[in-house]
Amino acid sequence: MEIDLKTPELQKSELNVVFMIGRLNPPTPGHMAAIETVLRISREKEGVARVFISSKQNDLTKIPEYNFLTKDKKDKPKKTRKKLITESTTKKIGMYVKDARAENPLSATQKKKFLIDMVMNRQFSPDWTAGEWSKDELEKVFVISDECKGLYKAFGCAHSVQKIDENHLDDPNKLTYVLGKEIDIIEAEMRGSNCVNDEEEPRFSKYNCLYLERTAEGTNPEAYSGSKIRLLVGCESPNIYEFIKAYEGYLTIEQSEELFNDMRQGLCIVDSDESKPKRNRTAKLGGKKPKYTKKNNKQK
């Protein structure tokens, strides 16, 4: 049945929805810059903020045996295993940090937990621009749902937020899609096709897109991409001290340690003596020395 937009009972929604979609594995300070933008604009428009979190996670039974992550695309170990490997090995094997088999160490629930922690900590910073947010509000902002899994479904979920009741229709003109400016040309064209200022035919609907510049270089927290963070966790010499420094102002030391260990658990790293953190290079962080704990993956 066709809907007659002139019918008095039906009207387009006046609700502004500001949203982003992300794998966020792991959540980084760079992601937080985009999330802060979503939260700020939603408050300015007196609307609703939504961050749709991907549920994809590593299948630990299919990750090949390896000791550390690398920047080399040629490092693609082929041997897979039917159970987790926890024994030390004398042969050191590297795997490319962006290998699809190991680039999602955290579950959606873990990501949501750390994202909320980061906002709760970050909003006390003097340069925070998005106002105050309670934990209950943030529980609604960060969405984990099979109904919103994947780009197409996430767009549909953004539309559905506007339908406050059966008498209201969604209005794409009041949807703002926040996304990072993609460096890869093909990926950029695909993302841009959904923006009102792009001439390409949309894959879904047209949205008001807000592109954010990516900070690719430097040592400031926002410069750490997901792959850079994974290298700190799973490289040949894991560096928990630089890891904690990367999240300074976003996570407490204890929260950073928890994230570090959760990621190693999800990456299924095989530890050798040389791949353990170098404790003689302790960074002084508030006078407290971070601890490193290895979770036991051994299955009976």
C-alpha atoms as a PDB file:
ATOM      1  CA  MET A   1       0.000   0.000   0.000  1.00  0.00           C
ATOM      2  CA  GLU A   2       1.354   3.420  -0.957  1.00  0.00           C
ATOM      3  CA  ILE A   3       1.485   6.053   1.761  1.00  0.00           C
ATOM      4  CA  ASP A   4      -0.049   9.386   0.955  1.00  0.00           C
ATOM      5  CA  LEU A   5       2.236  12.014   2.483  1.00  0.00           C
ATOM      6  CA  LYS A   6      -0.636  14.504   2.367  1.00  0.00           C
ATOM      7  CA  THR A   7      -2.689  12.474   4.799  1.00  0.00           C
ATOM      8  CA  PRO A   8      -3.119  14.656   7.926  1.00  0.00           C
ATOM      9  CA  GLU A   9      -2.429  11.774  10.287  1.00  0.00           C
ATOM     10  CA  LEU A  10       1.024  11.186   8.812  1.00  0.00           C
ATOM     11  CA  GLN A  11       3.858  13.688   9.030  1.00  0.00           C
ATOM     12  CA  LYS A  12       7.600  13.635   8.617  1.00  0.00           C
ATOM     13  CA  SER A  13       9.561  13.401  11.835  1.00  0.00           C
ATOM     14  CA  GLU A  14      11.061  16.575  13.283  1.00  0.00           C
ATOM     15  CA  LEU A  15      13.580  14.547  15.270  1.00  0.00           C
ATOM     16  CA  ASN A  16      17.238  15.060  14.348  1.00  0.00           C
ATOM     17  CA  VAL A  17      19.359  11.918  14.542  1.00  0.00           C
ATOM     18  CA  VAL A  18      23.157  12.141  14.488  1.00  0.00           C
ATOM     19  CA  PHE A  19      24.875   8.812  14.048  1.00  0.00           C
ATOM     20  CA  MET A  20      28.018   6.942  13.123  1.00  0.00           C
ATOM     21  CA  ILE A  21      28.751   3.315  12.268  1.00  0.00           C
ATOM     22  CA  GLY A  22      31.989   1.605  13.213  1.00  0.00           C
ATOM     23  CA  ARG A  23      33.940  -1.553  13.840  1.00  0.00           C
ATOM     24  CA  LEU A  24      35.766   0.240  16.671  1.00  0.00           C
ATOM     25  CA  ASN A  25      38.042  -2.705  17.361  1.00  0.00           C
ATOM     26  CA  PRO A  26      39.570  -1.553  19.554  1.00  0.00           C
ATOM     27  CA  PRO A  27      38.055   1.816  20.527  1.00  0.00           C
ATOM     28  CA  THR A  28      40.767   4.470  20.182  1.00  0.00           C
ATOM     29  CA  PRO A  29      41.169   8.156  21.104  1.00  0.00           C
ATOM     30  CA  GLY A  30      40.786   8.829  17.363  1.00  0.00           C
ATOM     31  CA  HIS A  31      37.352   7.176  17.420  1.00  0.00           C
ATOM     32  CA  MET A  32      36.498   9.270  20.457  1.00  0.00           C
ATOM     33  CA  ALA A  33      36.998  12.473  18.431  1.00  0.00           C
ATOM     34  CA  ALA A  34      34.261  11.292  16.046  1.00  0.00           C
ATOM     35  CA  ILE A  35      32.013  10.164  18.899  1.00  0.00           C
ATOM     36  CA  GLU A  36      32.453  13.530  20.625  1.00  0.00           C
ATOM     37  CA  THR A  37      31.273  15.157  17.390  1.00  0.00           C
ATOM     38  CA  VAL A  38      28.189  12.917  17.288  1.00  0.00           C
ATOM     39  CA  LEU A  39      27.338  13.761  20.897  1.00  0.00           C
ATOM     40  CA  ARG A  40      27.964  17.499  20.472  1.00  0.00           C
ATOM     41  CA  ILE A  41      25.893  17.928  17.305  1.00  0.00           C
ATOM     42  CA  SER A  42      23.024  15.875  18.696  1.00  0.00           C
ATOM     43  CA  ARG A  43      22.867  18.237  21.680  1.00  0.00           C
ATOM     44  CA  GLU A  44      23.080  21.310  19.437  1.00  0.00           C
ATOM     45  CA  LYS A  45      20.195  19.998  17.314  1.00  0.00           C
ATOM     46  CA  GLU A  46      18.280  18.838  20.396  1.00  0.00           C
ATOM     47  CA  GLY A  47      18.224  15.439  18.783  1.00  0.00           C
ATOM     48  CA  VAL A  48      19.348  11.883  19.388  1.00  0.00           C
ATOM     49  CA  ALA A  49      22.867  10.416  19.185  1.00  0.00           C
ATOM     50  CA  ARG A  50      23.526   6.864  18.071  1.00  0.00           C
ATOM     51  CA  VAL A  51      26.747   4.891  17.552  1.00  0.00           C
ATOM     52  CA  PHE A  52      26.113   1.536  15.889  1.00  0.00           C
ATOM     53  CA  ILE A  53      28.794  -0.961  16.929  1.00  0.00           C
ATOM     54  CA  SER A  54      29.805  -3.877  14.720  1.00  0.00           C
ATOM     55  CA  SER A  55      29.478  -7.299  16.364  1.00  0.00           C
ATOM     56  CA  LYS A  56      32.221  -8.995  14.351  1.00  0.00           C
ATOM     57  CA  GLN A  57      34.830 -10.765  16.492  1.00  0.00           C
ATOM     58  CA  ASN A  58      37.800 -13.034  15.842  1.00  0.00           C
ATOM     59  CA  ASP A  59      37.108 -16.749  15.663  1.00  0.00           C
ATOM     60  CA  LEU A  60      39.928 -17.987  17.870  1.00  0.00           C
ATOM     61  CA  THR A  61      39.749 -21.499  16.411  1.00  0.00           C
ATOM     62  CA  LYS A  62      40.619 -20.133  12.955  1.00  0.00           C
ATOM     63  CA  ILE A  63      43.456 -17.765  13.840  1.00  0.00           C
ATOM     64  CA  PRO A  64      46.734 -19.300  12.621  1.00  0.00           C
ATOM     65  CA  GLU A  65      49.599 -19.923  15.002  1.00  0.00           C
ATOM     66  CA  TYR A  66      51.736 -16.804  15.355  1.00  0.00           C
ATOM     67  CA  ASN A  67      53.830 -14.961  17.933  1.00  0.00           C
ATOM     68  CA  PHE A  68      53.502 -11.304  17.049  1.00  0.00           C
ATOM     69  CA  LEU A  69      51.811  -8.828  14.713  1.00  0.00           C
ATOM     70  CA  THR A  70      53.739  -6.980  12.015  1.00  0.00           C
ATOM     71  CA  LYS A  71      53.358  -4.169   9.476  1.00  0.00           C
ATOM     72  CA  ASP A  72      54.351  -6.470   6.620  1.00  0.00           C
ATOM     73  CA  LYS A  73      51.490  -7.502   4.308  1.00  0.00           C
ATOM     74  CA  LYS A  74      53.491 -10.579   3.301  1.00  0.00           C
ATOM     75  CA  ASP A  75      53.177 -12.077   6.780  1.00  0.00           C
ATOM     76  CA  LYS A  76      50.194 -14.375   6.276  1.00  0.00           C
ATOM     77  CA  PRO A  77      50.605 -17.641   8.178  1.00  0.00           C
ATOM     78  CA  LYS A  78      48.509 -20.424   6.665  1.00  0.00           C
ATOM     79  CA  LYS A  79      48.387 -23.042   9.397  1.00  0.00           C
ATOM     80  CA  THR A  80      45.087 -22.970  11.284  1.00  0.00           C
ATOM     81  CA  ARG A  81      44.312 -24.722  14.534  1.00  0.00           C
ATOM     82  CA  LYS A  82      41.315 -26.437  16.002  1.00  0.00           C
ATOM     83  CA  LYS A  83      42.046 -25.335  19.550  1.00  0.00           C
ATOM     84  CA  LEU A  84      43.828 -22.433  21.226  1.00  0.00           C
ATOM     85  CA  ILE A  85      47.592 -22.723  21.427  1.00  0.00           C
ATOM     86  CA  THR A  86      49.167 -21.641  24.689  1.00  0.00           C
ATOM     87  CA  GLU A  87      52.488 -23.474  24.573  1.00  0.00           C
ATOM     88  CA  SER A  88      55.665 -21.494  23.931  1.00  0.00           C
ATOM     89  CA  THR A  89      57.311 -22.029  20.565  1.00  0.00           C
ATOM     90  CA  THR A  90      60.903 -21.650  19.460  1.00  0.00           C
ATOM     91  CA  LYS A  91      59.904 -20.662  15.935  1.00  0.00           C
ATOM     92  CA  LYS A  92      58.742 -17.059  15.869  1.00  0.00           C
ATOM     93  CA  ILE A  93      55.911 -16.389  13.440  1.00  0.00           C
ATOM     94  CA  GLY A  94      54.574 -12.969  12.484  1.00  0.00           C
ATOM     95  CA  MET A  95      51.178 -12.002  11.092  1.00  0.00           C
ATOM     96  CA  TYR A  96      50.119  -8.792   9.317  1.00  0.00           C
ATOM     97  CA  VAL A  97      48.259  -6.526  11.736  1.00  0.00           C
ATOM     98  CA  LYS A  98      45.398  -5.959   9.273  1.00  0.00           C
ATOM     99  CA  ASP A  99      44.876  -9.644   8.532  1.00  0.00           C
ATOM    100  CA  ALA A 100      41.082 -10.075   8.658  1.00  0.00           C
ATOM    101  CA  ARG A 101      41.459 -13.196  10.792  1.00  0.00           C
ATOM    102  CA  ALA A 102      42.833 -11.246  13.740  1.00  0.00           C
ATOM    103  CA  GLU A 103      41.692  -7.628  13.446  1.00  0.00           C
ATOM    104  CA  ASN A 104      38.659  -7.947  15.736  1.00  0.00           C
ATOM    105  CA  PRO A 105      39.972  -8.988  19.168  1.00  0.00           C
ATOM    106  CA  LEU A 106      37.110  -7.532  21.222  1.00  0.00           C
ATOM    107  CA  SER A 107      33.455  -8.480  21.458  1.00  0.00           C
ATOM    108  CA  ALA A 108      30.758  -5.853  20.908  1.00  0.00           C
ATOM    109  CA  THR A 109      29.970  -5.907  24.638  1.00  0.00           C
ATOM    110  CA  GLN A 110      33.608  -5.268  25.524  1.00  0.00           C
ATOM    111  CA  LYS A 111      33.836  -2.403  23.029  1.00  0.00           C
ATOM    112  CA  LYS A 112      30.701  -0.773  24.401  1.00  0.00           C
ATOM    113  CA  LYS A 113      32.017  -1.009  27.945  1.00  0.00           C
ATOM    114  CA  PHE A 114      35.315   0.718  27.084  1.00  0.00           C
ATOM    115  CA  LEU A 115      33.592   3.343  24.904  1.00  0.00           C
ATOM    116  CA  ILE A 116      31.370   4.340  27.808  1.00  0.00           C
ATOM    117  CA  ASP A 117      34.399   4.439  30.118  1.00  0.00           C
ATOM    118  CA  MET A 118      36.211   6.701  27.654  1.00  0.00           C
ATOM    119  CA  VAL A 119      33.343   9.185  27.385  1.00  0.00           C
ATOM    120  CA  MET A 120      32.788   9.223  31.151  1.00  0.00           C
ATOM    121  CA  ASN A 121      36.485  10.017  31.682  1.00  0.00           C
ATOM    122  CA  ARG A 122      36.915  12.335  28.726  1.00  0.00           C
ATOM    123  CA  GLN A 123      33.983  14.641  29.503  1.00  0.00           C
ATOM    124  CA  PHE A 124      35.845  16.041  32.501  1.00  0.00           C
ATOM    125  CA  SER A 125      38.597  17.362  30.218  1.00  0.00           C
ATOM    126  CA  PRO A 126      38.588  21.176  29.744  1.00  0.00           C
ATOM    127  CA  ASP A 127      38.579  20.795  25.946  1.00  0.00           C
ATOM    128  CA  TRP A 128      35.542  18.468  25.867  1.00  0.00           C
ATOM    129  CA  THR A 129      32.817  20.065  23.735  1.00  0.00           C
ATOM    130  CA  ALA A 130      29.839  17.695  23.965  1.00  0.00           C
ATOM    131  CA  GLY A 131      28.423  18.545  27.387  1.00  0.00           C
ATOM    132  CA  GLU A 132      27.620  16.138  30.201  1.00  0.00           C
ATOM    133  CA  TRP A 133      26.394  12.612  29.590  1.00  0.00           C
ATOM    134  CA  SER A 134      25.236  10.120  32.175  1.00  0.00           C
ATOM    135  CA  LYS A 135      26.047   6.427  31.966  1.00  0.00           C
ATOM    136  CA  ASP A 136      22.357   5.650  31.413  1.00  0.00           C
ATOM    137  CA  GLU A 137      22.272   8.035  28.443  1.00  0.00           C
ATOM    138  CA  LEU A 138      25.403   6.489  26.968  1.00  0.00           C
ATOM    139  CA  GLU A 139      23.930   2.994  27.304  1.00  0.00           C
ATOM    140  CA  LYS A 140      21.323   4.122  24.742  1.00  0.00           C
ATOM    141  CA  VAL A 141      23.831   5.940  22.516  1.00  0.00           C
ATOM    142  CA  PHE A 142      26.011   2.882  21.893  1.00  0.00           C
ATOM    143  CA  VAL A 143      23.909   0.286  20.101  1.00  0.00           C
ATOM    144  CA  ILE A 144      24.567  -3.449  19.834  1.00  0.00           C
ATOM    145  CA  SER A 145      21.852  -5.246  17.913  1.00  0.00           C
ATOM    146  CA  ASP A 146      21.569  -7.910  15.227  1.00  0.00           C
ATOM    147  CA  GLU A 147      18.887  -5.706  13.692  1.00  0.00           C
ATOM    148  CA  CYS A 148      21.519  -2.999  13.162  1.00  0.00           C
ATOM    149  CA  LYS A 149      24.390  -5.250  12.059  1.00  0.00           C
ATOM    150  CA  GLY A 150      26.049  -4.209   8.807  1.00  0.00           C
ATOM    151  CA  LEU A 151      25.920  -0.915   6.935  1.00  0.00           C
ATOM    152  CA  TYR A 152      22.479  -1.385   5.389  1.00  0.00           C
ATOM    153  CA  LYS A 153      20.783  -2.428   8.638  1.00  0.00           C
ATOM    154  CA  ALA A 154      22.538   0.333  10.608  1.00  0.00           C
ATOM    155  CA  PHE A 155      21.152   2.944   8.217  1.00  0.00           C
ATOM    156  CA  GLY A 156      17.723   1.404   8.709  1.00  0.00           C
ATOM    157  CA  CYS A 157      18.111   1.659  12.481  1.00  0.00           C
ATOM    158  CA  ALA A 158      19.012   5.350  12.162  1.00  0.00           C
ATOM    159  CA  HIS A 159      15.784   5.879  10.206  1.00  0.00           C
ATOM    160  CA  SER A 160      13.721   3.939  12.737  1.00  0.00           C
ATOM    161  CA  VAL A 161      14.817   6.223  15.595  1.00  0.00           C
ATOM    162  CA  GLN A 162      12.812   9.012  13.950  1.00  0.00           C
ATOM    163  CA  LYS A 163       9.604   6.980  13.901  1.00  0.00           C
ATOM    164  CA  ILE A 164       8.512   7.912  17.407  1.00  0.00           C
ATOM    165  CA  ASP A 165       5.029   6.588  16.709  1.00  0.00           C
ATOM    166  CA  GLU A 166       2.924   5.229  13.842  1.00  0.00           C
ATOM    167  CA  ASN A 167       1.931   8.740  12.771  1.00  0.00           C
ATOM    168  CA  HIS A 168       5.474   9.849  11.983  1.00  0.00           C
ATOM    169  CA  LEU A 169       7.621   9.065   8.952  1.00  0.00           C
ATOM    170  CA  ASP A 170      11.399   9.159   8.834  1.00  0.00           C
ATOM    171  CA  ASP A 171      13.058  12.164   7.187  1.00  0.00           C
ATOM    172  CA  PRO A 172      16.568  11.625   5.725  1.00  0.00           C
ATOM    173  CA  ASN A 173      17.059  15.404   5.679  1.00  0.00           C
ATOM    174  CA  LYS A 174      17.230  15.308   9.470  1.00  0.00           C
ATOM    175  CA  LEU A 175      19.754  12.480   9.588  1.00  0.00           C
ATOM    176  CA  THR A 176      23.434  13.406   9.997  1.00  0.00           C
ATOM    177  CA  TYR A 177      25.987  10.722   9.226  1.00  0.00           C
ATOM    178  CA  VAL A 178      29.385  11.337  10.866  1.00  0.00           C
ATOM    179  CA  LEU A 179      32.312   9.471   9.310  1.00  0.00           C
ATOM    180  CA  GLY A 180      36.055   9.697   8.882  1.00  0.00           C
ATOM    181  CA  LYS A 181      37.419  11.001   5.613  1.00  0.00           C
ATOM    182  CA  GLU A 182      38.618   7.847   3.898  1.00  0.00           C
ATOM    183  CA  ILE A 183      42.112   7.788   2.385  1.00  0.00           C
ATOM    184  CA  ASP A 184      41.407   4.753   0.206  1.00  0.00           C
ATOM    185  CA  ILE A 185      39.801   6.022  -3.043  1.00  0.00           C
ATOM    186  CA  ILE A 186      37.483   3.065  -3.598  1.00  0.00           C
ATOM    187  CA  GLU A 187      36.287   3.083   0.015  1.00  0.00           C
ATOM    188  CA  ALA A 188      35.829   6.867  -0.141  1.00  0.00           C
ATOM    189  CA  GLU A 189      33.624   6.593  -3.243  1.00  0.00           C
ATOM    190  CA  MET A 190      31.485   3.904  -1.632  1.00  0.00           C
ATOM    191  CA  ARG A 191      30.978   5.954   1.530  1.00  0.00           C
ATOM    192  CA  GLY A 192      30.394   9.188  -0.367  1.00  0.00           C
ATOM    193  CA  SER A 193      27.599   7.711  -2.467  1.00  0.00           C
ATOM    194  CA  ASN A 194      25.310   8.020   0.552  1.00  0.00           C
ATOM    195  CA  CYS A 195      25.899  11.768   0.993  1.00  0.00           C
ATOM    196  CA  VAL A 196      23.653  14.542  -0.316  1.00  0.00           C
ATOM    197  CA  ASN A 197      26.629  16.449  -1.691  1.00  0.00           C
ATOM    198  CA  ASP A 198      27.772  13.513  -3.838  1.00  0.00           C
ATOM    199  CA  GLU A 199      26.615  12.869  -7.399  1.00  0.00           C
ATOM    200  CA  GLU A 200      26.959   9.082  -7.204  1.00  0.00           C
ATOM    201  CA  GLU A 201      23.823   6.962  -7.026  1.00  0.00           C
ATOM    202  CA  PRO A 202      23.246   6.071  -3.361  1.00  0.00           C
ATOM    203  CA  ARG A 203      23.493   2.474  -2.187  1.00  0.00           C
ATOM    204  CA  PHE A 204      20.861   3.288   0.428  1.00  0.00           C
ATOM    205  CA  SER A 205      19.551   6.823   1.077  1.00  0.00           C
ATOM    206  CA  LYS A 206      21.129  10.268   0.905  1.00  0.00           C
ATOM    207  CA  TYR A 207      22.285  11.770   4.184  1.00  0.00           C
ATOM    208  CA  ASN A 208      23.848  14.958   5.450  1.00  0.00           C
ATOM    209  CA  CYS A 209      27.392  13.671   5.813  1.00  0.00           C
ATOM    210  CA  LEU A 210      29.945  15.244   8.101  1.00  0.00           C
ATOM    211  CA  TYR A 211      33.473  14.186   7.204  1.00  0.00           C
ATOM    212  CA  LEU A 212      36.188  14.297   9.843  1.00  0.00           C
ATOM    213  CA  GLU A 213      39.853  14.550   8.917  1.00  0.00           C
ATOM    214  CA  ARG A 214      41.960  11.632  10.074  1.00  0.00           C
ATOM    215  CA  THR A 215      45.102  12.258  12.104  1.00  0.00           C
ATOM    216  CA  ALA A 216      47.494   9.725  10.640  1.00  0.00           C
ATOM    217  CA  GLU A 217      50.830  10.863  12.044  1.00  0.00           C
ATOM    218  CA  GLY A 218      52.230  12.016  15.336  1.00  0.00           C
ATOM    219  CA  THR A 219      52.396  10.730  18.913  1.00  0.00           C
ATOM    220  CA  ASN A 220      49.303  12.426  20.301  1.00  0.00           C
ATOM    221  CA  PRO A 221      46.550  10.005  21.420  1.00  0.00           C
ATOM    222  CA  GLU A 222      44.282  10.861  18.465  1.00  0.00           C
ATOM    223  CA  ALA A 223      46.992   9.647  16.055  1.00  0.00           C
ATOM    224  CA  TYR A 224      46.700   6.056  17.240  1.00  0.00           C
ATOM    225  CA  SER A 225      44.647   4.032  14.774  1.00  0.00           C
ATOM    226  CA  GLY A 226      43.161   0.652  15.614  1.00  0.00           C
ATOM    227  CA  SER A 227      46.016  -1.126  13.836  1.00  0.00           C
ATOM    228  CA  LYS A 228      48.655   0.912  15.722  1.00  0.00           C
ATOM    229  CA  ILE A 229      47.017  -0.044  19.010  1.00  0.00           C
ATOM    230  CA  ARG A 230      46.906  -3.717  18.014  1.00  0.00           C
ATOM    231  CA  LEU A 231      50.642  -3.543  17.204  1.00  0.00           C
ATOM    232  CA  LEU A 232      51.345  -2.317  20.727  1.00  0.00           C
ATOM    233  CA  VAL A 233      49.444  -5.301  22.091  1.00  0.00           C
ATOM    234  CA  GLY A 234      50.585  -8.017  19.727  1.00  0.00           C
ATOM    235  CA  CYS A 235      53.891  -6.895  18.264  1.00  0.00           C
ATOM    236  CA  GLU A 236      57.185  -8.704  18.890  1.00  0.00           C
ATOM    237  CA  SER A 237      57.746  -6.758  22.100  1.00  0.00           C
ATOM    238  CA  PRO A 238      54.329  -5.779  23.517  1.00  0.00           C
ATOM    239  CA  ASN A 239      54.544  -2.365  25.112  1.00  0.00           C
ATOM    240  CA  ILE A 240      51.912  -1.915  27.788  1.00  0.00           C
ATOM    241  CA  TYR A 241      53.540   1.307  28.916  1.00  0.00           C
ATOM    242  CA  GLU A 242      53.150   3.035  25.558  1.00  0.00           C
ATOM    243  CA  PHE A 243      49.664   1.490  25.361  1.00  0.00           C
ATOM    244  CA  ILE A 244      48.664   3.139  28.648  1.00  0.00           C
ATOM    245  CA  LYS A 245      50.220   6.409  27.492  1.00  0.00           C
ATOM    246  CA  ALA A 246      48.127   6.272  24.302  1.00  0.00           C
ATOM    247  CA  TYR A 247      44.933   6.195  26.378  1.00  0.00           C
ATOM    248  CA  GLU A 248      46.010   8.849  28.882  1.00  0.00           C
ATOM    249  CA  GLY A 249      43.036  11.095  29.586  1.00  0.00           C
ATOM    250  CA  TYR A 250      40.656   8.537  28.093  1.00  0.00           C
ATOM    251  CA  LEU A 251      41.099   5.491  30.326  1.00  0.00           C
ATOM    252  CA  THR A 252      42.526   5.071  33.814  1.00  0.00           C
ATOM    253  CA  ILE A 253      45.621   2.913  34.226  1.00  0.00           C
ATOM    254  CA  GLU A 254      43.477   0.056  35.519  1.00  0.00           C
ATOM    255  CA  GLN A 255      41.038   0.366  32.596  1.00  0.00           C
ATOM    256  CA  SER A 256      43.935   0.462  30.116  1.00  0.00           C
ATOM    257  CA  GLU A 257      45.420  -2.691  31.641  1.00  0.00           C
ATOM    258  CA  GLU A 258      42.038  -4.405  31.341  1.00  0.00           C
ATOM    259  CA  LEU A 259      41.728  -3.386  27.689  1.00  0.00           C
ATOM    260  CA  PHE A 260      45.304  -4.530  26.998  1.00  0.00           C
ATOM    261  CA  ASN A 261      44.677  -7.985  28.478  1.00  0.00           C
ATOM    262  CA  ASP A 262      41.263  -8.374  26.821  1.00  0.00           C
ATOM    263  CA  MET A 263      42.857  -7.622  23.458  1.00  0.00           C
ATOM    264  CA  ARG A 264      45.644 -10.171  23.969  1.00  0.00           C
ATOM    265  CA  GLN A 265      42.994 -12.714  24.911  1.00  0.00           C
ATOM    266  CA  GLY A 266      41.089 -11.916  21.705  1.00  0.00           C
ATOM    267  CA  LEU A 267      44.207 -11.952  19.546  1.00  0.00           C
ATOM    268  CA  CYS A 268      45.256 -15.378  20.844  1.00  0.00           C
ATOM    269  CA  ILE A 269      48.920 -14.390  21.050  1.00  0.00           C
ATOM    270  CA  VAL A 270      51.443 -17.180  21.605  1.00  0.00           C
ATOM    271  CA  ASP A 271      53.900 -15.836  24.149  1.00  0.00           C
ATOM    272  CA  SER A 272      57.599 -16.613  23.951  1.00  0.00           C
ATOM    273  CA  ASP A 273      60.139 -15.233  26.416  1.00  0.00           C
ATOM    274  CA  GLU A 274      61.124 -12.514  23.941  1.00  0.00           C
ATOM    275  CA  SER A 275      57.546 -11.450  23.256  1.00  0.00           C
ATOM    276  CA  LYS A 276      56.694 -10.525  26.834  1.00  0.00           C
ATOM    277  CA  PRO A 277      56.674  -6.862  27.983  1.00  0.00           C
ATOM    278  CA  LYS A 278      60.058  -5.355  28.785  1.00  0.00           C
ATOM    279  CA  ARG A 279      59.687  -4.471  32.469  1.00  0.00           C
ATOM    280  CA  ASN A 280      63.063  -2.727  32.581  1.00  0.00           C
ATOM    281  CA  ARG A 281      61.577   0.053  30.441  1.00  0.00           C
ATOM    282  CA  THR A 282      58.903   1.033  32.930  1.00  0.00           C
ATOM    283  CA  ALA A 283      57.288   4.378  32.226  1.00  0.00           C
ATOM    284  CA  LYS A 284      56.478   6.502  35.226  1.00  0.00           C
ATOM    285  CA  LEU A 285      52.751   7.065  35.006  1.00  0.00           C
ATOM    286  CA  GLY A 286      51.528   8.891  38.056  1.00  0.00           C
ATOM    287  CA  GLY A 287      54.048   7.032  40.169  1.00  0.00           C
ATOM    288  CA  LYS A 288      52.243   3.735  39.563  1.00  0.00           C
ATOM    289  CA  LYS A 289      53.767   0.823  37.701  1.00  0.00           C
ATOM    290  CA  PRO A 290      51.285  -0.942  35.406  1.00  0.00           C
ATOM    291  CA  LYS A 291      51.005  -4.668  35.753  1.00  0.00           C
ATOM    292  CA  TYR A 292      50.825  -7.220  32.976  1.00  0.00           C
ATOM    293  CA  THR A 293      48.726 -10.328  33.422  1.00  0.00           C
ATOM    294  CA  LYS A 294      48.441 -13.072  30.882  1.00  0.00           C
ATOM    295  CA  LYS A 295      45.055 -14.767  30.714  1.00  0.00           C
ATOM    296  CA  ASN A 296      45.098 -18.521  30.405  1.00  0.00           C
ATOM    297  CA  ASN A 297      43.499 -19.624  27.159  1.00  0.00           C
ATOM    298  CA  LYS A 298      44.102 -23.306  27.787  1.00  0.00           C
ATOM    299  CA  GLN A 299      41.083 -25.468  27.095  1.00  0.00           C
ATOM    300  CA  LYS A 300      40.564 -28.835  28.632  1.00  0.00           C
END
